[in-house]
Amino acid sequence: MPGPWLRPSFEKKGHVNVQANTGVLEELIDRFNTMLASVSADPRFAHVHYLDLRPTLWNDARYKQHWANELHPNERRFKLVTAAFANLIARL
């Protein structure tokens, strides 16, 4: 899979610290997940189901075992994401 995807944009804006950039993205992903979870918890949206995929796609020392590049999971992780959706749908 081609890439990098995010790094050039960060660097173009002068954000060259990979660790800091990773922290910003983690914060955005966490906030987005919090928002999604709150929507699915609202009784008006009982038909909405929240699926937290963060435990499936790790961002630690095992990074290269899970990601094809900094934006896309590798084939094995995509299969785990697919399985998580399939399991949720089966439970419904």
PDB file of N, CA and C in Angstrom:
ATOM      1  N   MET A   1       0.846  -1.168   0.000  1.00  0.00           N
ATOM      2  CA  MET A   1       0.000   0.000   0.000  1.00  0.00           C
ATOM      3  C   MET A   1       0.899   1.239   0.000  1.00  0.00           C
ATOM      4  N   PRO A   2       0.633   2.196  -0.856  1.00  0.00           N
ATOM      5  CA  PRO A   2       1.495   3.379  -0.898  1.00  0.00           C
ATOM      6  C   PRO A   2       1.359   4.227   0.357  1.00  0.00           C
ATOM      7  N   GLY A   3       2.241   5.095   0.512  1.00  0.00           N
ATOM      8  CA  GLY A   3       2.254   6.004   1.644  1.00  0.00           C
ATOM      9  C   GLY A   3       3.622   6.652   1.692  1.00  0.00           C
ATOM     10  N   PRO A   4       3.954   7.466   2.586  1.00  0.00           N
ATOM     11  CA  PRO A   4       3.162   7.830   3.756  1.00  0.00           C
ATOM     12  C   PRO A   4       1.986   8.730   3.387  1.00  0.00           C
ATOM     13  N   TRP A   5       1.003   8.730   4.272  1.00  0.00           N
ATOM     14  CA  TRP A   5      -0.224   9.483   4.036  1.00  0.00           C
ATOM     15  C   TRP A   5      -0.295  10.745   4.884  1.00  0.00           C
ATOM     16  N   LEU A   6      -0.006  10.642   6.144  1.00  0.00           N
ATOM     17  CA  LEU A   6      -0.191  11.762   7.062  1.00  0.00           C
ATOM     18  C   LEU A   6       1.081  12.579   7.274  1.00  0.00           C
ATOM     19  N   ARG A   7       2.206  11.922   7.314  1.00  0.00           N
ATOM     20  CA  ARG A   7       3.465  12.597   7.620  1.00  0.00           C
ATOM     21  C   ARG A   7       3.749  13.799   6.714  1.00  0.00           C
ATOM     22  N   PRO A   8       3.580  13.699   5.389  1.00  0.00           N
ATOM     23  CA  PRO A   8       3.873  14.870   4.548  1.00  0.00           C
ATOM     24  C   PRO A   8       3.038  16.099   4.909  1.00  0.00           C
ATOM     25  N   SER A   9       1.793  15.886   5.255  1.00  0.00           N
ATOM     26  CA  SER A   9       0.944  17.026   5.629  1.00  0.00           C
ATOM     27  C   SER A   9       1.395  17.643   6.941  1.00  0.00           C
ATOM     28  N   PHE A  10       1.740  16.799   7.915  1.00  0.00           N
ATOM     29  CA  PHE A  10       2.255  17.317   9.182  1.00  0.00           C
ATOM     30  C   PHE A  10       3.538  18.123   8.938  1.00  0.00           C
ATOM     31  N   GLU A  11       4.451  17.551   8.149  1.00  0.00           N
ATOM     32  CA  GLU A  11       5.733  18.210   7.905  1.00  0.00           C
ATOM     33  C   GLU A  11       5.555  19.521   7.151  1.00  0.00           C
ATOM     34  N   LYS A  12       4.640  19.556   6.201  1.00  0.00           N
ATOM     35  CA  LYS A  12       4.379  20.776   5.419  1.00  0.00           C
ATOM     36  C   LYS A  12       3.917  21.916   6.331  1.00  0.00           C
ATOM     37  N   LYS A  13       3.236  21.575   7.404  1.00  0.00           N
ATOM     38  CA  LYS A  13       2.744  22.571   8.366  1.00  0.00           C
ATOM     39  C   LYS A  13       3.766  22.840   9.481  1.00  0.00           C
ATOM     40  N   GLY A  14       4.944  22.197   9.393  1.00  0.00           N
ATOM     41  CA  GLY A  14       5.987  22.425  10.380  1.00  0.00           C
ATOM     42  C   GLY A  14       5.921  21.530  11.598  1.00  0.00           C
ATOM     43  N   HIS A  15       5.077  20.531  11.574  1.00  0.00           N
ATOM     44  CA  HIS A  15       4.952  19.594  12.695  1.00  0.00           C
ATOM     45  C   HIS A  15       5.786  18.353  12.371  1.00  0.00           C
ATOM     46  N   VAL A  16       7.018  18.351  12.845  1.00  0.00           N
ATOM     47  CA  VAL A  16       7.947  17.288  12.462  1.00  0.00           C
ATOM     48  C   VAL A  16       8.214  16.272  13.569  1.00  0.00           C
ATOM     49  N   ASN A  17       7.674  16.518  14.756  1.00  0.00           N
ATOM     50  CA  ASN A  17       7.882  15.598  15.875  1.00  0.00           C
ATOM     51  C   ASN A  17       6.858  14.462  15.772  1.00  0.00           C
ATOM     52  N   VAL A  18       7.322  13.296  15.358  1.00  0.00           N
ATOM     53  CA  VAL A  18       6.435  12.155  15.132  1.00  0.00           C
ATOM     54  C   VAL A  18       5.682  11.766  16.407  1.00  0.00           C
ATOM     55  N   GLN A  19       6.368  11.778  17.532  1.00  0.00           N
ATOM     56  CA  GLN A  19       5.728  11.404  18.790  1.00  0.00           C
ATOM     57  C   GLN A  19       4.610  12.389  19.143  1.00  0.00           C
ATOM     58  N   ALA A  20       4.861  13.672  18.967  1.00  0.00           N
ATOM     59  CA  ALA A  20       3.830  14.677  19.246  1.00  0.00           C
ATOM     60  C   ALA A  20       2.669  14.538  18.271  1.00  0.00           C
ATOM     61  N   ASN A  21       2.964  14.303  17.000  1.00  0.00           N
ATOM     62  CA  ASN A  21       1.910  14.137  15.994  1.00  0.00           C
ATOM     63  C   ASN A  21       1.055  12.914  16.303  1.00  0.00           C
ATOM     64  N   THR A  22       1.710  11.842  16.723  1.00  0.00           N
ATOM     65  CA  THR A  22       0.990  10.629  17.101  1.00  0.00           C
ATOM     66  C   THR A  22       0.064  10.914  18.270  1.00  0.00           C
ATOM     67  N   GLY A  23       0.547  11.675  19.237  1.00  0.00           N
ATOM     68  CA  GLY A  23      -0.278  12.041  20.383  1.00  0.00           C
ATOM     69  C   GLY A  23      -1.503  12.841  19.980  1.00  0.00           C
ATOM     70  N   VAL A  24      -1.336  13.771  19.049  1.00  0.00           N
ATOM     71  CA  VAL A  24      -2.469  14.566  18.555  1.00  0.00           C
ATOM     72  C   VAL A  24      -3.505  13.656  17.904  1.00  0.00           C
ATOM     73  N   LEU A  25      -3.057  12.741  17.067  1.00  0.00           N
ATOM     74  CA  LEU A  25      -3.983  11.831  16.393  1.00  0.00           C
ATOM     75  C   LEU A  25      -4.670  10.900  17.382  1.00  0.00           C
ATOM     76  N   GLU A  26      -3.941  10.413  18.365  1.00  0.00           N
ATOM     77  CA  GLU A  26      -4.564   9.561  19.392  1.00  0.00           C
ATOM     78  C   GLU A  26      -5.655  10.324  20.133  1.00  0.00           C
ATOM     79  N   GLU A  27      -5.381  11.575  20.468  1.00  0.00           N
ATOM     80  CA  GLU A  27      -6.381  12.403  21.156  1.00  0.00           C
ATOM     81  C   GLU A  27      -7.618  12.599  20.274  1.00  0.00           C
ATOM     82  N   LEU A  28      -7.408  12.884  18.994  1.00  0.00           N
ATOM     83  CA  LEU A  28      -8.543  13.058  18.079  1.00  0.00           C
ATOM     84  C   LEU A  28      -9.367  11.774  17.960  1.00  0.00           C
ATOM     85  N   ILE A  29      -8.689  10.654  17.845  1.00  0.00           N
ATOM     86  CA  ILE A  29      -9.383   9.374  17.734  1.00  0.00           C
ATOM     87  C   ILE A  29     -10.149   9.065  19.016  1.00  0.00           C
ATOM     88  N   ASP A  30      -9.550   9.341  20.163  1.00  0.00           N
ATOM     89  CA  ASP A  30     -10.241   9.114  21.438  1.00  0.00           C
ATOM     90  C   ASP A  30     -11.476  10.008  21.561  1.00  0.00           C
ATOM     91  N   ARG A  31     -11.334  11.276  21.204  1.00  0.00           N
ATOM     92  CA  ARG A  31     -12.482  12.195  21.268  1.00  0.00           C
ATOM     93  C   ARG A  31     -13.592  11.757  20.313  1.00  0.00           C
ATOM     94  N   PHE A  32     -13.207  11.339  19.119  1.00  0.00           N
ATOM     95  CA  PHE A  32     -14.186  10.881  18.142  1.00  0.00           C
ATOM     96  C   PHE A  32     -14.926   9.654  18.678  1.00  0.00           C
ATOM     97  N   ASN A  33     -14.196   8.731  19.276  1.00  0.00           N
ATOM     98  CA  ASN A  33     -14.825   7.542  19.848  1.00  0.00           C
ATOM     99  C   ASN A  33     -15.754   7.885  20.993  1.00  0.00           C
ATOM    100  N   THR A  34     -15.375   8.830  21.829  1.00  0.00           N
ATOM    101  CA  THR A  34     -16.240   9.282  22.914  1.00  0.00           C
ATOM    102  C   THR A  34     -17.538   9.843  22.353  1.00  0.00           C
ATOM    103  N   MET A  35     -17.438  10.632  21.299  1.00  0.00           N
ATOM    104  CA  MET A  35     -18.620  11.204  20.662  1.00  0.00           C
ATOM    105  C   MET A  35     -19.510  10.108  20.074  1.00  0.00           C
ATOM    106  N   LEU A  36     -18.899   9.155  19.388  1.00  0.00           N
ATOM    107  CA  LEU A  36     -19.685   8.062  18.801  1.00  0.00           C
ATOM    108  C   LEU A  36     -20.383   7.237  19.877  1.00  0.00           C
ATOM    109  N   ALA A  37     -19.686   6.947  20.959  1.00  0.00           N
ATOM    110  CA  ALA A  37     -20.279   6.179  22.054  1.00  0.00           C
ATOM    111  C   ALA A  37     -21.453   6.938  22.670  1.00  0.00           C
ATOM    112  N   SER A  38     -21.331   8.256  22.790  1.00  0.00           N
ATOM    113  CA  SER A  38     -22.428   9.037  23.366  1.00  0.00           C
ATOM    114  C   SER A  38     -23.644   9.061  22.446  1.00  0.00           C
ATOM    115  N   VAL A  39     -23.423   9.079  21.158  1.00  0.00           N
ATOM    116  CA  VAL A  39     -24.550   9.032  20.215  1.00  0.00           C
ATOM    117  C   VAL A  39     -25.286   7.708  20.354  1.00  0.00           C
ATOM    118  N   SER A  40     -24.556   6.623  20.390  1.00  0.00           N
ATOM    119  CA  SER A  40     -25.208   5.308  20.467  1.00  0.00           C
ATOM    120  C   SER A  40     -25.882   5.089  21.822  1.00  0.00           C
ATOM    121  N   ALA A  41     -25.459   5.825  22.854  1.00  0.00           N
ATOM    122  CA  ALA A  41     -26.079   5.693  24.176  1.00  0.00           C
ATOM    123  C   ALA A  41     -27.355   6.526  24.307  1.00  0.00           C
ATOM    124  N   ASP A  42     -27.575   7.432  23.379  1.00  0.00           N
ATOM    125  CA  ASP A  42     -28.763   8.289  23.411  1.00  0.00           C
ATOM    126  C   ASP A  42     -29.982   7.464  22.993  1.00  0.00           C
ATOM    127  N   PRO A  43     -31.021   7.425  23.803  1.00  0.00           N
ATOM    128  CA  PRO A  43     -32.209   6.622  23.475  1.00  0.00           C
ATOM    129  C   PRO A  43     -32.830   6.967  22.122  1.00  0.00           C
ATOM    130  N   ARG A  44     -32.634   8.190  21.660  1.00  0.00           N
ATOM    131  CA  ARG A  44     -33.174   8.566  20.341  1.00  0.00           C
ATOM    132  C   ARG A  44     -32.464   7.831  19.203  1.00  0.00           C
ATOM    133  N   PHE A  45     -31.304   7.297  19.507  1.00  0.00           N
ATOM    134  CA  PHE A  45     -30.528   6.595  18.480  1.00  0.00           C
ATOM    135  C   PHE A  45     -30.318   5.134  18.864  1.00  0.00           C
ATOM    136  N   ALA A  46     -31.359   4.513  19.352  1.00  0.00           N
ATOM    137  CA  ALA A  46     -31.270   3.114  19.782  1.00  0.00           C
ATOM    138  C   ALA A  46     -30.868   2.184  18.634  1.00  0.00           C
ATOM    139  N   HIS A  47     -31.094   2.624  17.417  1.00  0.00           N
ATOM    140  CA  HIS A  47     -30.743   1.826  16.237  1.00  0.00           C
ATOM    141  C   HIS A  47     -29.249   1.939  15.883  1.00  0.00           C
ATOM    142  N   VAL A  48     -28.517   2.822  16.559  1.00  0.00           N
ATOM    143  CA  VAL A  48     -27.095   3.027  16.298  1.00  0.00           C
ATOM    144  C   VAL A  48     -26.287   2.164  17.255  1.00  0.00           C
ATOM    145  N   HIS A  49     -25.318   1.463  16.745  1.00  0.00           N
ATOM    146  CA  HIS A  49     -24.474   0.584  17.551  1.00  0.00           C
ATOM    147  C   HIS A  49     -23.025   1.038  17.436  1.00  0.00           C
ATOM    148  N   TYR A  50     -22.405   1.239  18.565  1.00  0.00           N
ATOM    149  CA  TYR A  50     -21.017   1.692  18.625  1.00  0.00           C
ATOM    150  C   TYR A  50     -20.081   0.500  18.706  1.00  0.00           C
ATOM    151  N   LEU A  51     -19.038   0.523  17.916  1.00  0.00           N
ATOM    152  CA  LEU A  51     -18.040  -0.540  17.907  1.00  0.00           C
ATOM    153  C   LEU A  51     -16.660   0.100  18.059  1.00  0.00           C
ATOM    154  N   ASP A  52     -16.027  -0.118  19.179  1.00  0.00           N
ATOM    155  CA  ASP A  52     -14.705   0.450  19.456  1.00  0.00           C
ATOM    156  C   ASP A  52     -13.643  -0.465  18.859  1.00  0.00           C
ATOM    157  N   LEU A  53     -12.991   0.002  17.824  1.00  0.00           N
ATOM    158  CA  LEU A  53     -11.970  -0.797  17.150  1.00  0.00           C
ATOM    159  C   LEU A  53     -10.556  -0.479  17.635  1.00  0.00           C
ATOM    160  N   ARG A  54     -10.440   0.448  18.560  1.00  0.00           N
ATOM    161  CA  ARG A  54      -9.094   0.805  19.052  1.00  0.00           C
ATOM    162  C   ARG A  54      -8.335  -0.391  19.627  1.00  0.00           C
ATOM    163  N   PRO A  55      -8.982  -1.305  20.340  1.00  0.00           N
ATOM    164  CA  PRO A  55      -8.223  -2.471  20.827  1.00  0.00           C
ATOM    165  C   PRO A  55      -7.759  -3.407  19.705  1.00  0.00           C
ATOM    166  N   THR A  56      -8.380  -3.299  18.546  1.00  0.00           N
ATOM    167  CA  THR A  56      -8.014  -4.152  17.414  1.00  0.00           C
ATOM    168  C   THR A  56      -6.809  -3.603  16.667  1.00  0.00           C
ATOM    169  N   LEU A  57      -6.642  -2.285  16.690  1.00  0.00           N
ATOM    170  CA  LEU A  57      -5.586  -1.620  15.924  1.00  0.00           C
ATOM    171  C   LEU A  57      -4.660  -0.892  16.896  1.00  0.00           C
ATOM    172  N   TRP A  58      -3.605  -1.555  17.286  1.00  0.00           N
ATOM    173  CA  TRP A  58      -2.710  -1.032  18.310  1.00  0.00           C
ATOM    174  C   TRP A  58      -1.710  -0.043  17.737  1.00  0.00           C
ATOM    175  N   ASN A  59      -1.268   0.845  18.606  1.00  0.00           N
ATOM    176  CA  ASN A  59      -0.256   1.827  18.227  1.00  0.00           C
ATOM    177  C   ASN A  59       0.854   1.820  19.277  1.00  0.00           C
ATOM    178  N   ASP A  60       1.525   0.702  19.358  1.00  0.00           N
ATOM    179  CA  ASP A  60       2.624   0.580  20.315  1.00  0.00           C
ATOM    180  C   ASP A  60       3.827  -0.023  19.597  1.00  0.00           C
ATOM    181  N   ALA A  61       4.675  -0.717  20.309  1.00  0.00           N
ATOM    182  CA  ALA A  61       5.882  -1.291  19.710  1.00  0.00           C
ATOM    183  C   ALA A  61       5.551  -2.306  18.611  1.00  0.00           C
ATOM    184  N   ARG A  62       4.313  -2.815  18.611  1.00  0.00           N
ATOM    185  CA  ARG A  62       3.891  -3.792  17.590  1.00  0.00           C
ATOM    186  C   ARG A  62       3.306  -3.120  16.356  1.00  0.00           C
ATOM    187  N   TYR A  63       3.457  -1.813  16.252  1.00  0.00           N
ATOM    188  CA  TYR A  63       2.868  -1.011  15.179  1.00  0.00           C
ATOM    189  C   TYR A  63       3.017  -1.658  13.802  1.00  0.00           C
ATOM    190  N   LYS A  64       4.217  -2.020  13.425  1.00  0.00           N
ATOM    191  CA  LYS A  64       4.456  -2.541  12.079  1.00  0.00           C
ATOM    192  C   LYS A  64       3.825  -3.908  11.852  1.00  0.00           C
ATOM    193  N   GLN A  65       3.428  -4.591  12.934  1.00  0.00           N
ATOM    194  CA  GLN A  65       2.732  -5.870  12.793  1.00  0.00           C
ATOM    195  C   GLN A  65       1.241  -5.667  12.515  1.00  0.00           C
ATOM    196  N   HIS A  66       0.770  -4.436  12.651  1.00  0.00           N
ATOM    197  CA  HIS A  66      -0.658  -4.153  12.543  1.00  0.00           C
ATOM    198  C   HIS A  66      -1.019  -3.211  11.405  1.00  0.00           C
ATOM    199  N   TRP A  67      -0.071  -2.413  10.957  1.00  0.00           N
ATOM    200  CA  TRP A  67      -0.369  -1.351  10.010  1.00  0.00           C
ATOM    201  C   TRP A  67       0.441  -1.498   8.727  1.00  0.00           C
ATOM    202  N   ALA A  68      -0.226  -1.265   7.579  1.00  0.00           N
ATOM    203  CA  ALA A  68       0.467  -1.250   6.292  1.00  0.00           C
ATOM    204  C   ALA A  68       1.222   0.069   6.131  1.00  0.00           C
ATOM    205  N   ASN A  69       0.648   1.133   6.676  1.00  0.00           N
ATOM    206  CA  ASN A  69       1.278   2.455   6.732  1.00  0.00           C
ATOM    207  C   ASN A  69       0.603   3.203   7.874  1.00  0.00           C
ATOM    208  N   GLU A  70       0.841   4.480   7.993  1.00  0.00           N
ATOM    209  CA  GLU A  70       0.332   5.174   9.173  1.00  0.00           C
ATOM    210  C   GLU A  70      -1.161   5.462   9.138  1.00  0.00           C
ATOM    211  N   LEU A  71      -1.849   5.024   8.104  1.00  0.00           N
ATOM    212  CA  LEU A  71      -3.284   5.262   8.006  1.00  0.00           C
ATOM    213  C   LEU A  71      -4.101   3.991   7.797  1.00  0.00           C
ATOM    214  N   HIS A  72      -3.505   2.987   7.180  1.00  0.00           N
ATOM    215  CA  HIS A  72      -4.243   1.785   6.805  1.00  0.00           C
ATOM    216  C   HIS A  72      -3.732   0.540   7.530  1.00  0.00           C
ATOM    217  N   PRO A  73      -4.641  -0.222   8.135  1.00  0.00           N
ATOM    218  CA  PRO A  73      -4.219  -1.497   8.733  1.00  0.00           C
ATOM    219  C   PRO A  73      -3.717  -2.460   7.650  1.00  0.00           C
ATOM    220  N   ASN A  74      -2.916  -3.418   8.073  1.00  0.00           N
ATOM    221  CA  ASN A  74      -2.492  -4.442   7.116  1.00  0.00           C
ATOM    222  C   ASN A  74      -3.637  -5.435   6.896  1.00  0.00           C
ATOM    223  N   GLU A  75      -3.434  -6.399   6.012  1.00  0.00           N
ATOM    224  CA  GLU A  75      -4.503  -7.344   5.654  1.00  0.00           C
ATOM    225  C   GLU A  75      -5.022  -8.111   6.875  1.00  0.00           C
ATOM    226  N   ARG A  76      -4.116  -8.555   7.726  1.00  0.00           N
ATOM    227  CA  ARG A  76      -4.532  -9.314   8.924  1.00  0.00           C
ATOM    228  C   ARG A  76      -5.426  -8.463   9.831  1.00  0.00           C
ATOM    229  N   ARG A  77      -5.052  -7.218  10.041  1.00  0.00           N
ATOM    230  CA  ARG A  77      -5.844  -6.339  10.906  1.00  0.00           C
ATOM    231  C   ARG A  77      -7.166  -5.961  10.254  1.00  0.00           C
ATOM    232  N   PHE A  78      -7.177  -5.765   8.933  1.00  0.00           N
ATOM    233  CA  PHE A  78      -8.445  -5.518   8.248  1.00  0.00           C
ATOM    234  C   PHE A  78      -9.394  -6.697   8.456  1.00  0.00           C
ATOM    235  N   LYS A  79      -8.850  -7.910   8.435  1.00  0.00           N
ATOM    236  CA  LYS A  79      -9.693  -9.092   8.672  1.00  0.00           C
ATOM    237  C   LYS A  79     -10.256  -9.086  10.093  1.00  0.00           C
ATOM    238  N   LEU A  80      -9.465  -8.642  11.063  1.00  0.00           N
ATOM    239  CA  LEU A  80      -9.961  -8.559  12.435  1.00  0.00           C
ATOM    240  C   LEU A  80     -11.035  -7.472  12.574  1.00  0.00           C
ATOM    241  N   VAL A  81     -10.858  -6.364  11.873  1.00  0.00           N
ATOM    242  CA  VAL A  81     -11.879  -5.309  11.865  1.00  0.00           C
ATOM    243  C   VAL A  81     -13.167  -5.852  11.251  1.00  0.00           C
ATOM    244  N   THR A  82     -13.041  -6.545  10.139  1.00  0.00           N
ATOM    245  CA  THR A  82     -14.202  -7.152   9.482  1.00  0.00           C
ATOM    246  C   THR A  82     -14.894  -8.133  10.425  1.00  0.00           C
ATOM    247  N   ALA A  83     -14.124  -8.941  11.119  1.00  0.00           N
ATOM    248  CA  ALA A  83     -14.697  -9.916  12.055  1.00  0.00           C
ATOM    249  C   ALA A  83     -15.434  -9.209  13.191  1.00  0.00           C
ATOM    250  N   ALA A  84     -14.894  -8.092  13.660  1.00  0.00           N
ATOM    251  CA  ALA A  84     -15.565  -7.350  14.732  1.00  0.00           C
ATOM    252  C   ALA A  84     -16.936  -6.854  14.257  1.00  0.00           C
ATOM    253  N   PHE A  85     -17.003  -6.336  13.033  1.00  0.00           N
ATOM    254  CA  PHE A  85     -18.291  -5.910  12.483  1.00  0.00           C
ATOM    255  C   PHE A  85     -19.228  -7.097  12.293  1.00  0.00           C
ATOM    256  N   ALA A  86     -18.715  -8.192  11.781  1.00  0.00           N
ATOM    257  CA  ALA A  86     -19.527  -9.382  11.553  1.00  0.00           C
ATOM    258  C   ALA A  86     -20.098  -9.913  12.876  1.00  0.00           C
ATOM    259  N   ASN A  87     -19.282  -9.915  13.928  1.00  0.00           N
ATOM    260  CA  ASN A  87     -19.744 -10.380  15.242  1.00  0.00           C
ATOM    261  C   ASN A  87     -20.837  -9.476  15.791  1.00  0.00           C
ATOM    262  N   LEU A  88     -20.683  -8.176  15.633  1.00  0.00           N
ATOM    263  CA  LEU A  88     -21.697  -7.248  16.095  1.00  0.00           C
ATOM    264  C   LEU A  88     -23.009  -7.476  15.330  1.00  0.00           C
ATOM    265  N   ILE A  89     -22.913  -7.594  14.039  1.00  0.00           N
ATOM    266  CA  ILE A  89     -24.106  -7.813  13.207  1.00  0.00           C
ATOM    267  C   ILE A  89     -24.773  -9.132  13.573  1.00  0.00           C
ATOM    268  N   ALA A  90     -23.991 -10.157  13.816  1.00  0.00           N
ATOM    269  CA  ALA A  90     -24.562 -11.470  14.193  1.00  0.00           C
ATOM    270  C   ALA A  90     -25.315 -11.389  15.515  1.00  0.00           C
ATOM    271  N   ARG A  91     -24.813 -10.570  16.438  1.00  0.00           N
ATOM    272  CA  ARG A  91     -25.493 -10.416  17.728  1.00  0.00           C
ATOM    273  C   ARG A  91     -26.819  -9.669  17.603  1.00  0.00           C
ATOM    274  N   LEU A  92     -26.964  -8.892  16.551  1.00  0.00           N
ATOM    275  CA  LEU A  92     -28.190  -8.127  16.361  1.00  0.00           C
ATOM    276  C   LEU A  92     -29.267  -9.003  15.761  1.00  0.00           C
TER     277      LEU A  92
END
